[in-house]
Amino acid sequence: MLTALPLLSAVLAATPGLEASPNPPDCEAAPRPLELSAEPSAPPVLCLSPGTATTLLFDTPLAPGAVEVQATEQEVQRVQGRQLVALLPTALLLPGEWRKLTVRFGDGVAPAVATVLLYVHPARAARQVEVHRQARTAESYQRELVEQRQAARRCQEENAQLRASQGSPEGLRGLVSAGIMGTKSRGVASENLSWPTPRFIVRKGSALSPTGVWSYRASTRGAVELQLHLLSGAQPWGAEGATLADAHGREVQVLPLWQSAPIALGKFGSVVVEAEASERELQGTYTLRLWEAGGARSVTLEGVVFPAAPDSTAR
């Protein structure tokens, strides 16, 4: 018979994800459902007691022989059904000892293998415990990988723009040095879309109302400046993202947003949406959508137009 300390070391050495000896669990507390996660994490712990039967109820069907216990039949008697496993420890298990239960799933969904640590308590045991498998398919991992790569690429592009801008002069000197003013030095064209009458439509359900909207056009950039009034929500509103799409749903590349400050309920604030655009882009009407973190409150403007680029021959 192994003593508790050497056996615990053997269990930990054979159990991925554990780097230190776990503390004895609180076997006095009511048992909670065991969560078998597809993500790397420490195995859940279950309390057993000699002479007391513990039943595990799985939410996933089990193949015959899918459950193994790191113990002999003389130490732990076990019965496996389609979605349950019954464990009956004997007096050969000493209080304070650890064992390991391994489940192998054969449906091709992660996790394929899961581990539960078994702790022997002298008197307290979980009599019936639900076991929830947080399954994930290979397709979900692939989607997550694509999303992470896209997010990393956007961060790299934004970082590159920030690094490039750090060495550039400010104000009009910055516009000239970036080539935004155009080769003919015609500068930036602007248009007031709010006066004398609004030339845009605010989509129903928007959480903010624009009190002033201006569009700008340079040789390689376009921008929309909005003076916004928050209509709903107790928390201040901060712009997190934006899209600018033409009548066919084609989007232009939107640069990082600029906002003067979070907008409190009943207050006003400015947001500038800037996009990279060639001379042939930003013609016709566009739909601008702005949203906060989580997307709960947003504002959508239809019919946004831009002045012609200063260097454009089609004027």
Protein backbone atom coordinates (compact mmCIF):
# COMPACT_ATOMS: atom_id res chain seq x y z
CA MET A 1 0.00 0.00 0.00
CA LEU A 2 1.37 3.40 -0.98
CA THR A 3 1.33 6.14 1.61
CA ALA A 4 -0.56 9.33 0.87
CA LEU A 5 2.40 11.57 -0.01
CA PRO A 6 4.16 9.26 -2.55
CA LEU A 7 0.83 8.37 -4.13
CA LEU A 8 -0.12 12.06 -4.45
CA SER A 9 3.23 12.76 -6.12
CA ALA A 10 2.60 9.94 -8.57
CA VAL A 11 -0.88 11.21 -9.37
CA LEU A 12 0.37 14.75 -9.96
CA ALA A 13 3.25 13.56 -12.12
CA ALA A 14 0.81 11.66 -14.34
CA THR A 15 -1.75 14.48 -14.48
CA PRO A 16 -1.07 17.27 -17.03
CA GLY A 17 -1.85 20.81 -15.91
CA LEU A 18 -0.97 20.40 -12.21
CA GLU A 19 2.30 21.96 -11.08
CA ALA A 20 1.80 21.89 -7.31
CA SER A 21 0.09 19.65 -4.79
CA PRO A 22 -3.55 20.63 -4.42
CA ASN A 23 -4.86 21.41 -1.00
CA PRO A 24 -7.40 18.98 0.45
CA PRO A 25 -10.84 19.96 -0.82
CA ASP A 26 -13.71 21.15 1.34
CA CYS A 27 -15.60 17.89 1.55
CA GLU A 28 -18.06 19.40 4.04
CA ALA A 29 -19.57 21.66 1.35
CA ALA A 30 -22.38 20.50 -0.90
CA PRO A 31 -20.89 19.02 -4.08
CA ARG A 32 -21.09 21.10 -7.22
CA PRO A 33 -21.32 19.81 -10.80
CA LEU A 34 -17.96 18.80 -12.22
CA GLU A 35 -16.94 20.75 -15.32
CA LEU A 36 -14.81 18.93 -17.89
CA SER A 37 -13.35 21.71 -20.02
CA ALA A 38 -11.79 21.46 -23.47
CA GLU A 39 -9.34 24.20 -22.44
CA PRO A 40 -6.21 23.43 -20.39
CA SER A 41 -7.10 23.64 -16.70
CA ALA A 42 -6.55 21.90 -13.39
CA PRO A 43 -8.69 18.74 -13.04
CA PRO A 44 -11.75 18.99 -10.78
CA VAL A 45 -11.64 17.24 -7.40
CA LEU A 46 -14.23 14.82 -5.99
CA CYS A 47 -14.50 13.59 -2.40
CA LEU A 48 -14.90 9.85 -1.72
CA SER A 49 -15.26 7.99 1.57
CA PRO A 50 -14.81 4.28 2.32
CA GLY A 51 -18.14 2.49 2.47
CA THR A 52 -20.11 5.31 0.80
CA ALA A 53 -21.22 4.99 -2.84
CA THR A 54 -20.70 7.97 -5.14
CA THR A 55 -22.60 8.21 -8.43
CA LEU A 56 -21.44 10.38 -11.33
CA LEU A 57 -24.15 11.44 -13.80
CA PHE A 58 -22.65 12.39 -17.20
CA ASP A 59 -24.39 14.58 -19.78
CA THR A 60 -22.53 12.70 -22.54
CA PRO A 61 -22.99 9.00 -23.43
CA LEU A 62 -20.08 6.79 -22.41
CA ALA A 63 -18.67 3.93 -24.45
CA PRO A 64 -18.03 0.63 -22.64
CA GLY A 65 -14.76 0.84 -20.72
CA ALA A 66 -14.56 4.61 -21.14
CA VAL A 67 -13.94 5.22 -17.42
CA GLU A 68 -10.78 4.10 -15.64
CA VAL A 69 -9.88 4.54 -11.98
CA GLN A 70 -6.30 4.53 -10.70
CA ALA A 71 -7.11 1.92 -8.10
CA THR A 72 -7.60 -1.82 -7.88
CA GLU A 73 -11.02 -3.48 -7.70
CA GLN A 74 -10.26 -4.27 -4.06
CA GLU A 75 -9.82 -0.54 -3.36
CA VAL A 76 -12.67 0.88 -5.44
CA GLN A 77 -15.57 -1.12 -6.82
CA ARG A 78 -17.09 0.49 -9.89
CA VAL A 79 -20.09 0.10 -12.18
CA GLN A 80 -20.45 1.94 -15.49
CA GLY A 81 -23.67 2.56 -17.37
CA ARG A 82 -24.48 4.53 -20.51
CA GLN A 83 -24.34 7.89 -18.71
CA LEU A 84 -23.43 7.07 -15.12
CA VAL A 85 -20.57 5.68 -13.09
CA ALA A 86 -20.95 4.36 -9.54
CA LEU A 87 -17.89 4.22 -7.26
CA LEU A 88 -17.74 2.39 -3.92
CA PRO A 89 -14.42 2.83 -2.08
CA THR A 90 -13.42 0.15 0.42
CA ALA A 91 -11.51 0.36 3.70
CA LEU A 92 -8.31 -0.34 1.78
CA LEU A 93 -8.28 3.35 0.77
CA LEU A 94 -6.82 5.49 3.54
CA PRO A 95 -8.06 9.01 4.37
CA GLY A 96 -5.91 11.69 2.76
CA GLU A 97 -4.98 9.54 -0.22
CA TRP A 98 -5.53 10.62 -3.80
CA ARG A 99 -6.63 8.66 -6.84
CA LYS A 100 -7.34 9.62 -10.44
CA LEU A 101 -10.38 8.93 -12.61
CA THR A 102 -9.91 9.14 -16.39
CA VAL A 103 -12.73 9.39 -18.95
CA ARG A 104 -12.16 8.80 -22.65
CA PHE A 105 -14.81 10.04 -25.08
CA GLY A 106 -15.01 8.52 -28.53
CA ASP A 107 -17.18 11.01 -30.41
CA GLY A 108 -14.34 13.07 -31.89
CA VAL A 109 -15.23 16.19 -29.89
CA ALA A 110 -12.89 17.90 -27.42
CA PRO A 111 -12.11 17.12 -24.70
CA ALA A 112 -11.31 13.59 -25.88
CA VAL A 113 -9.85 12.71 -22.48
CA ALA A 114 -10.75 14.23 -19.11
CA THR A 115 -9.38 13.72 -15.61
CA VAL A 116 -11.02 13.95 -12.18
CA LEU A 117 -8.93 13.76 -9.00
CA LEU A 118 -10.41 11.64 -6.22
CA TYR A 119 -9.69 12.59 -2.61
CA VAL A 120 -10.37 10.11 0.21
CA HIS A 121 -12.13 11.62 3.22
CA PRO A 122 -12.76 9.60 6.39
CA ALA A 123 -16.48 10.41 6.57
CA ARG A 124 -17.63 12.89 3.91
CA ALA A 125 -18.34 11.92 0.32
CA ALA A 126 -20.34 13.26 -2.59
CA ARG A 127 -23.19 10.81 -3.08
CA GLN A 128 -24.42 12.07 -6.46
CA VAL A 129 -22.65 14.53 -8.75
CA GLU A 130 -23.47 15.81 -12.21
CA VAL A 131 -20.60 15.85 -14.72
CA HIS A 132 -20.83 18.47 -17.46
CA ARG A 133 -18.62 18.19 -20.52
CA GLN A 134 -17.90 21.54 -22.13
CA ALA A 135 -17.47 20.05 -25.58
CA ARG A 136 -15.94 21.85 -28.56
CA THR A 137 -15.72 20.71 -32.15
CA ALA A 138 -12.69 21.04 -34.41
CA GLU A 139 -14.66 23.58 -36.47
CA SER A 140 -15.08 25.85 -33.42
CA TYR A 141 -11.32 25.81 -32.83
CA GLN A 142 -10.72 26.66 -36.47
CA ARG A 143 -13.16 29.59 -36.30
CA GLU A 144 -11.50 30.87 -33.13
CA LEU A 145 -8.07 30.57 -34.75
CA VAL A 146 -9.22 32.58 -37.78
CA GLU A 147 -10.75 35.27 -35.54
CA GLN A 148 -7.58 35.49 -33.44
CA ARG A 149 -5.44 35.83 -36.56
CA GLN A 150 -7.68 38.57 -37.92
CA ALA A 151 -7.56 40.42 -34.59
CA ALA A 152 -3.77 40.07 -34.46
CA ARG A 153 -3.47 41.40 -38.01
CA ARG A 154 -5.62 44.44 -37.15
CA CYS A 155 -3.49 45.11 -34.08
CA GLN A 156 -0.33 44.87 -36.16
CA GLU A 157 -1.71 47.32 -38.71
CA GLU A 158 -2.78 49.78 -36.01
CA ASN A 159 0.58 49.48 -34.25
CA ALA A 160 2.38 50.13 -37.52
CA GLN A 161 0.27 53.25 -38.09
CA LEU A 162 0.92 54.46 -34.55
CA ARG A 163 4.66 53.90 -34.86
CA ALA A 164 4.71 55.72 -38.20
CA SER A 165 2.75 58.65 -36.77
CA GLN A 166 5.05 59.09 -33.77
CA GLY A 167 7.81 60.45 -35.97
CA SER A 168 5.54 62.71 -38.01
CA PRO A 169 4.94 66.42 -37.36
CA GLU A 170 1.55 67.62 -36.11
CA GLY A 171 -1.04 69.96 -37.61
CA LEU A 172 -0.82 71.03 -41.25
CA ARG A 173 2.80 69.92 -41.36
CA GLY A 174 1.63 66.39 -40.58
CA LEU A 175 -0.96 66.49 -43.38
CA VAL A 176 1.63 67.65 -45.86
CA SER A 177 4.27 65.12 -44.76
CA ALA A 178 1.72 62.27 -44.99
CA GLY A 179 0.76 63.27 -48.53
CA ILE A 180 -2.86 63.79 -47.53
CA MET A 181 -2.99 67.37 -48.84
CA GLY A 182 -2.44 66.17 -52.40
CA THR A 183 0.15 66.97 -55.03
CA LYS A 184 -1.69 70.12 -56.10
CA SER A 185 -1.86 71.43 -52.52
CA ARG A 186 -5.62 71.80 -52.69
CA GLY A 187 -5.91 70.66 -49.10
CA VAL A 188 -9.03 69.14 -47.56
CA ALA A 189 -12.58 69.59 -48.83
CA SER A 190 -15.41 69.68 -46.30
CA GLU A 191 -19.18 69.54 -46.35
CA ASN A 192 -21.78 70.30 -43.70
CA LEU A 193 -24.37 67.50 -43.84
CA SER A 194 -26.59 69.04 -41.15
CA TRP A 195 -27.28 72.51 -42.57
CA PRO A 196 -29.53 73.96 -43.76
CA THR A 197 -31.40 70.62 -43.57
CA PRO A 198 -29.98 67.20 -42.64
CA ARG A 199 -28.82 65.24 -45.67
CA PHE A 200 -28.77 61.94 -43.82
CA ILE A 201 -31.26 59.66 -42.06
CA VAL A 202 -30.79 58.32 -38.53
CA ARG A 203 -31.87 54.69 -38.44
CA LYS A 204 -34.65 53.85 -35.99
CA GLY A 205 -33.41 52.33 -32.72
CA SER A 206 -30.20 54.38 -32.55
CA ALA A 207 -29.14 55.21 -28.99
CA LEU A 208 -27.58 58.53 -29.99
CA SER A 209 -28.79 61.49 -32.01
CA PRO A 210 -26.41 63.53 -34.17
CA THR A 211 -26.77 67.28 -33.75
CA GLY A 212 -24.07 68.05 -36.28
CA VAL A 213 -22.38 66.02 -39.02
CA TRP A 214 -19.52 67.09 -41.30
CA SER A 215 -17.71 65.09 -43.98
CA TYR A 216 -14.16 65.70 -45.16
CA ARG A 217 -12.18 64.57 -48.19
CA ALA A 218 -8.46 64.67 -48.87
CA SER A 219 -6.44 63.01 -51.59
CA THR A 220 -6.08 59.66 -49.78
CA ARG A 221 -8.45 59.97 -46.82
CA GLY A 222 -12.06 60.65 -45.97
CA ALA A 223 -13.58 61.42 -42.58
CA VAL A 224 -16.90 62.03 -40.86
CA GLU A 225 -17.14 64.21 -37.76
CA LEU A 226 -20.21 63.71 -35.59
CA GLN A 227 -21.52 65.77 -32.71
CA LEU A 228 -23.56 63.18 -30.79
CA HIS A 229 -26.22 63.41 -28.08
CA LEU A 230 -26.74 60.29 -25.91
CA LEU A 231 -30.42 59.34 -25.58
CA SER A 232 -30.41 56.20 -23.41
CA GLY A 233 -28.38 54.25 -20.89
CA ALA A 234 -27.01 55.19 -17.50
CA GLN A 235 -23.39 54.47 -18.40
CA PRO A 236 -21.37 56.92 -20.52
CA TRP A 237 -21.02 55.90 -24.16
CA GLY A 238 -17.63 55.35 -25.74
CA ALA A 239 -17.15 54.48 -29.40
CA GLU A 240 -15.40 51.15 -29.88
CA GLY A 241 -15.88 50.41 -33.58
CA ALA A 242 -17.35 51.68 -36.82
CA THR A 243 -18.16 50.59 -40.35
CA LEU A 244 -18.56 52.72 -43.45
CA ALA A 245 -20.26 50.93 -46.34
CA ASP A 246 -21.54 52.02 -49.75
CA ALA A 247 -24.98 51.25 -51.20
CA HIS A 248 -23.78 47.75 -52.22
CA GLY A 249 -22.48 46.90 -48.75
CA ARG A 250 -18.81 47.29 -49.65
CA GLU A 251 -16.83 48.64 -46.70
CA VAL A 252 -13.84 50.95 -46.77
CA GLN A 253 -10.93 50.52 -44.35
CA VAL A 254 -11.76 52.47 -41.19
CA LEU A 255 -8.84 53.77 -39.14
CA PRO A 256 -8.76 53.90 -35.30
CA LEU A 257 -11.55 56.17 -34.03
CA TRP A 258 -11.04 59.44 -32.21
CA GLN A 259 -13.46 60.58 -29.50
CA SER A 260 -13.15 63.69 -27.40
CA ALA A 261 -14.48 61.97 -24.24
CA PRO A 262 -17.13 59.40 -23.20
CA ILE A 263 -20.63 60.83 -23.69
CA ALA A 264 -22.87 60.86 -20.61
CA LEU A 265 -26.66 60.63 -20.76
CA GLY A 266 -28.11 63.90 -22.03
CA LYS A 267 -24.66 65.24 -22.93
CA PHE A 268 -22.88 65.91 -26.22
CA GLY A 269 -19.57 64.67 -27.54
CA SER A 270 -17.54 64.48 -30.73
CA VAL A 271 -16.43 61.38 -32.63
CA VAL A 272 -14.35 61.32 -35.81
CA VAL A 273 -14.40 58.33 -38.16
CA GLU A 274 -11.57 58.35 -40.70
CA ALA A 275 -11.04 55.96 -43.61
CA GLU A 276 -8.40 55.34 -46.21
CA ALA A 277 -9.84 55.91 -49.69
CA SER A 278 -8.59 56.32 -53.23
CA GLU A 279 -9.79 59.08 -55.52
CA ARG A 280 -12.49 56.81 -56.94
CA GLU A 281 -13.83 55.76 -53.54
CA LEU A 282 -16.25 57.57 -51.23
CA GLN A 283 -18.51 58.54 -54.11
CA GLY A 284 -22.26 58.20 -53.77
CA THR A 285 -24.07 57.57 -50.50
CA TYR A 286 -22.68 55.64 -47.54
CA THR A 287 -24.04 54.12 -44.34
CA LEU A 288 -22.07 54.86 -41.17
CA ARG A 289 -22.55 52.73 -38.06
CA LEU A 290 -20.91 53.38 -34.68
CA TRP A 291 -21.14 51.15 -31.60
CA GLU A 292 -19.86 50.88 -28.06
CA ALA A 293 -18.10 47.92 -26.42
CA GLY A 294 -20.41 44.92 -26.67
CA GLY A 295 -22.54 46.64 -29.31
CA ALA A 296 -25.55 47.22 -27.03
CA ARG A 297 -25.91 50.91 -27.96
CA SER A 298 -25.18 52.11 -31.45
CA VAL A 299 -26.05 54.81 -33.96
CA THR A 300 -26.53 54.35 -37.70
CA LEU A 301 -26.61 57.13 -40.30
CA GLU A 302 -27.78 56.48 -43.84
CA GLY A 303 -27.16 58.76 -46.79
CA VAL A 304 -23.74 60.07 -45.75
CA VAL A 305 -21.98 61.77 -48.68
CA PHE A 306 -18.47 63.16 -49.15
CA PRO A 307 -17.18 66.10 -51.18
CA ALA A 308 -15.04 65.33 -54.19
CA ALA A 309 -11.35 64.78 -53.51
CA PRO A 310 -9.42 68.04 -54.02
CA ASP A 311 -7.18 66.41 -56.66
CA SER A 312 -10.07 64.74 -58.47
CA THR A 313 -10.61 65.69 -62.13
CA ALA A 314 -14.28 64.74 -61.90
CA ARG A 315 -15.53 67.91 -60.20
